[in-house]
Protein backbone atom coordinates (compact mmCIF):
# COMPACT_ATOMS: atom_id res chain seq x y z
CA MET A 1 -38.18 -24.96 -7.10
CA TRP A 2 -40.63 -28.12 -6.69
CA ARG A 3 -37.91 -30.50 -5.57
CA TYR A 4 -36.32 -28.23 -2.63
CA MET A 5 -39.91 -27.26 -1.33
CA PHE A 6 -40.68 -30.72 -1.29
CA GLU A 7 -37.33 -32.42 0.29
CA PRO A 8 -37.98 -34.83 2.78
CA ASP A 9 -35.33 -33.35 5.15
CA VAL A 10 -35.34 -30.15 4.77
CA GLY A 11 -37.87 -28.62 2.15
CA MET A 12 -40.43 -26.35 3.55
CA VAL A 13 -43.81 -28.15 2.75
CA SER A 14 -42.41 -31.28 4.10
CA GLN A 15 -41.47 -29.53 8.04
CA GLY A 16 -45.02 -27.95 7.03
CA LEU A 17 -46.67 -31.57 7.27
CA ALA A 18 -44.55 -32.88 10.14
CA ARG A 19 -45.23 -29.62 12.23
CA LEU A 20 -48.80 -30.59 11.30
CA GLY A 21 -48.30 -34.31 12.64
CA LEU A 22 -49.00 -35.36 9.33
CA GLY A 23 -45.55 -36.63 8.36
CA GLN A 24 -43.27 -36.21 5.49
CA LEU A 25 -43.52 -37.40 1.99
CA ASP A 26 -41.55 -39.64 0.83
CA TRP A 27 -41.39 -38.61 -3.09
CA SER A 28 -38.35 -39.50 -3.43
CA THR A 29 -38.50 -43.43 -1.96
CA ASN A 30 -41.82 -43.95 -3.13
CA PRO A 31 -43.38 -44.34 -7.04
CA VAL A 32 -46.74 -43.64 -5.82
CA GLU A 33 -46.17 -40.32 -4.14
CA THR A 34 -43.26 -38.97 -6.89
CA LEU A 35 -45.86 -39.29 -9.38
CA LEU A 36 -49.21 -37.73 -7.47
CA LEU A 37 -46.58 -35.01 -6.54
CA ALA A 38 -45.76 -35.07 -10.75
CA GLY A 39 -49.47 -34.92 -11.30
CA THR A 40 -49.67 -31.92 -8.76
CA ILE A 41 -47.29 -29.78 -10.38
CA ALA A 42 -48.11 -30.39 -14.03
CA ILE A 43 -51.27 -29.62 -13.15
CA TRP A 44 -50.13 -26.47 -11.75
CA HIS A 45 -48.47 -26.19 -14.27
CA HIS A 46 -51.01 -26.34 -17.02
CA LEU A 47 -54.22 -24.93 -15.26
CA PRO A 48 -53.44 -20.90 -16.58
CA PHE A 49 -53.36 -22.33 -19.90
CA THR A 50 -56.67 -24.05 -19.18
CA PHE A 51 -58.06 -21.52 -17.60
CA LEU A 52 -56.99 -18.68 -20.20
CA ILE A 53 -58.89 -21.23 -22.82
CA LEU A 54 -62.49 -20.83 -19.73
CA TYR A 55 -62.26 -17.57 -19.45
CA SER A 56 -62.10 -16.43 -22.80
CA ALA A 57 -65.37 -19.20 -23.69
CA LEU A 58 -67.10 -17.72 -21.22
CA THR A 59 -66.91 -14.19 -21.21
CA THR A 60 -68.33 -14.93 -24.94
CA VAL A 61 -71.72 -15.54 -23.80
CA PRO A 62 -73.82 -13.43 -24.72
CA LYS A 63 -75.42 -11.45 -21.47
CA GLU A 64 -78.73 -11.04 -23.65
CA LEU A 65 -79.49 -14.84 -23.35
CA LEU A 66 -78.65 -15.23 -19.77
CA GLU A 67 -80.79 -11.63 -19.04
CA ALA A 68 -83.78 -13.64 -21.42
CA SER A 69 -83.85 -16.44 -19.22
CA GLU A 70 -83.86 -14.82 -16.34
CA ILE A 71 -86.85 -12.64 -17.26
CA ASP A 72 -88.36 -16.39 -17.86
CA GLY A 73 -87.79 -17.35 -14.67
CA ALA A 74 -84.81 -19.74 -14.98
CA THR A 75 -82.57 -20.10 -12.35
CA ALA A 76 -78.93 -19.56 -11.68
CA TRP A 77 -78.15 -23.11 -11.95
CA GLN A 78 -80.71 -23.58 -15.15
CA GLN A 79 -78.71 -20.82 -16.56
CA PHE A 80 -75.01 -22.57 -16.71
CA ARG A 81 -76.84 -25.64 -17.41
CA HIS A 82 -78.81 -24.74 -20.36
CA ILE A 83 -76.99 -21.92 -21.50
CA THR A 84 -73.44 -21.25 -20.46
CA LEU A 85 -72.44 -24.73 -20.15
CA ARG A 86 -73.62 -25.67 -23.98
CA LEU A 87 -72.20 -22.31 -25.11
CA ILE A 88 -68.57 -22.91 -23.31
CA MET A 89 -68.60 -27.09 -24.30
CA PRO A 90 -66.24 -26.59 -27.25
CA ALA A 91 -64.01 -24.84 -24.83
CA ILE A 92 -64.19 -27.17 -22.56
CA LEU A 93 -63.28 -30.02 -25.17
CA ILE A 94 -59.78 -28.67 -26.09
CA ALA A 95 -58.87 -27.76 -22.82
CA VAL A 96 -60.03 -31.73 -22.14
CA LEU A 97 -57.93 -32.43 -25.28
CA PHE A 98 -54.46 -30.49 -24.34
CA ARG A 99 -54.99 -31.16 -20.95
CA TYR A 100 -54.79 -35.52 -22.28
CA ILE A 101 -52.19 -34.49 -24.80
CA PHE A 102 -50.42 -33.12 -21.78
CA ALA A 103 -50.61 -35.90 -19.59
CA ILE A 104 -49.26 -38.64 -22.21
CA ARG A 105 -46.32 -36.15 -22.89
CA THR A 106 -45.37 -35.58 -19.15
CA PHE A 107 -41.62 -35.86 -18.88
CA ALA A 108 -40.37 -32.60 -16.69
CA GLU A 109 -42.17 -33.22 -13.86
CA VAL A 110 -40.77 -36.98 -13.53
CA TRP A 111 -37.83 -36.51 -14.83
CA LEU A 112 -36.76 -32.91 -12.66
CA LEU A 113 -38.11 -35.15 -9.25
CA THR A 114 -36.17 -38.08 -9.76
CA GLU A 115 -35.06 -38.96 -13.18
CA GLY A 116 -37.96 -42.12 -13.20
CA GLY A 117 -36.71 -43.66 -9.87
CA PRO A 118 -36.01 -45.64 -7.74
CA ALA A 119 -35.39 -48.45 -9.96
CA ARG A 120 -37.43 -46.63 -12.70
CA LEU A 121 -40.82 -46.89 -10.61
CA SER A 122 -41.70 -43.37 -11.37
CA GLU A 123 -40.62 -44.01 -14.91
CA VAL A 124 -43.44 -42.48 -17.16
CA LEU A 125 -43.64 -43.02 -21.36
CA ALA A 126 -41.75 -39.87 -22.45
CA ILE A 127 -39.06 -40.68 -19.82
CA TYR A 128 -38.40 -44.19 -21.28
CA LEU A 129 -38.58 -42.59 -24.92
CA TYR A 130 -35.71 -40.54 -23.52
CA ARG A 131 -33.45 -43.83 -21.84
CA GLU A 132 -34.07 -45.67 -24.93
CA THR A 133 -33.44 -43.01 -27.79
CA PHE A 134 -30.35 -41.24 -25.67
CA LYS A 135 -28.83 -43.70 -23.30
CA TYR A 136 -29.03 -46.68 -25.09
CA HIS A 137 -29.21 -45.44 -28.51
CA GLU A 138 -32.13 -47.76 -29.82
CA PHE A 139 -33.89 -45.96 -32.11
CA GLY A 140 -35.87 -48.34 -33.42
CA MET A 141 -37.32 -48.81 -29.78
CA ALA A 142 -37.83 -45.21 -29.09
CA SER A 143 -39.68 -45.12 -32.68
CA ALA A 144 -41.87 -47.41 -31.73
CA THR A 145 -42.08 -45.91 -28.22
CA GLY A 146 -42.75 -42.24 -29.81
CA PHE A 147 -45.49 -43.50 -32.21
CA VAL A 148 -47.03 -45.00 -29.28
CA MET A 149 -47.47 -42.02 -27.95
CA LEU A 150 -48.82 -40.59 -31.01
CA ALA A 151 -51.31 -43.26 -31.48
CA MET A 152 -52.44 -42.69 -27.83
CA SER A 153 -52.89 -39.21 -28.19
CA LEU A 154 -55.18 -39.64 -31.65
CA VAL A 155 -57.02 -42.59 -30.03
CA ILE A 156 -57.80 -39.88 -27.10
CA ALA A 157 -58.69 -36.73 -29.79
CA LEU A 158 -60.69 -38.44 -32.35
CA PRO A 159 -63.72 -38.52 -30.47
CA TYR A 160 -63.33 -35.03 -29.77
CA LEU A 161 -62.31 -33.40 -33.27
CA LYS A 162 -64.97 -35.68 -34.06
CA GLN A 163 -67.80 -34.15 -32.67
CA MET A 164 -66.32 -30.43 -32.75
CA TYR A 165 -67.09 -31.71 -36.55
CA ARG A 166 -70.44 -31.98 -36.33
CA GLU A 167 -71.46 -29.61 -34.60
CA ALA A 168 -69.29 -27.42 -37.15
CA ALA A 169 -71.45 -28.96 -40.05
CA ARG A 170 -74.59 -28.30 -38.73
CA GLY A 171 -73.78 -24.48 -38.46
CA PRO A 172 -74.63 -21.83 -36.23
């Protein structure tokens, strides 16, 4: 659907941009625009999950704390900064962690748009892994690539996991 909406010649978004005088997106031949479009699609795809995590955390903020801070004279910004933000910080950390992991394993968005082209310029690690495994049958290189992707995920996740462990060990 996204590919057809942004099709350079007949896509409705491309035609809309042309009517506004902004020119067309040339995502089919420009790797930077391909990756920007793939990023936009990934955000659109994963935003509801992130929203659900953050919204559920916001619903757990006790109203009594907000009311008490209002009685004590706290402004809306102070309530958000000192109460709400601190209480939902674990959920924010989890949401950011999931976004990092989803970003590392991005495959479908780029594959469905250009299959990593033109000339493999918009290829991401997951597409490289796929090609090495199923097209070239280079299982050693594919497993090394998979290990690098796992290591990158762990390196990114480790600080978040340490922070959450420290908070859980401290207790309420």
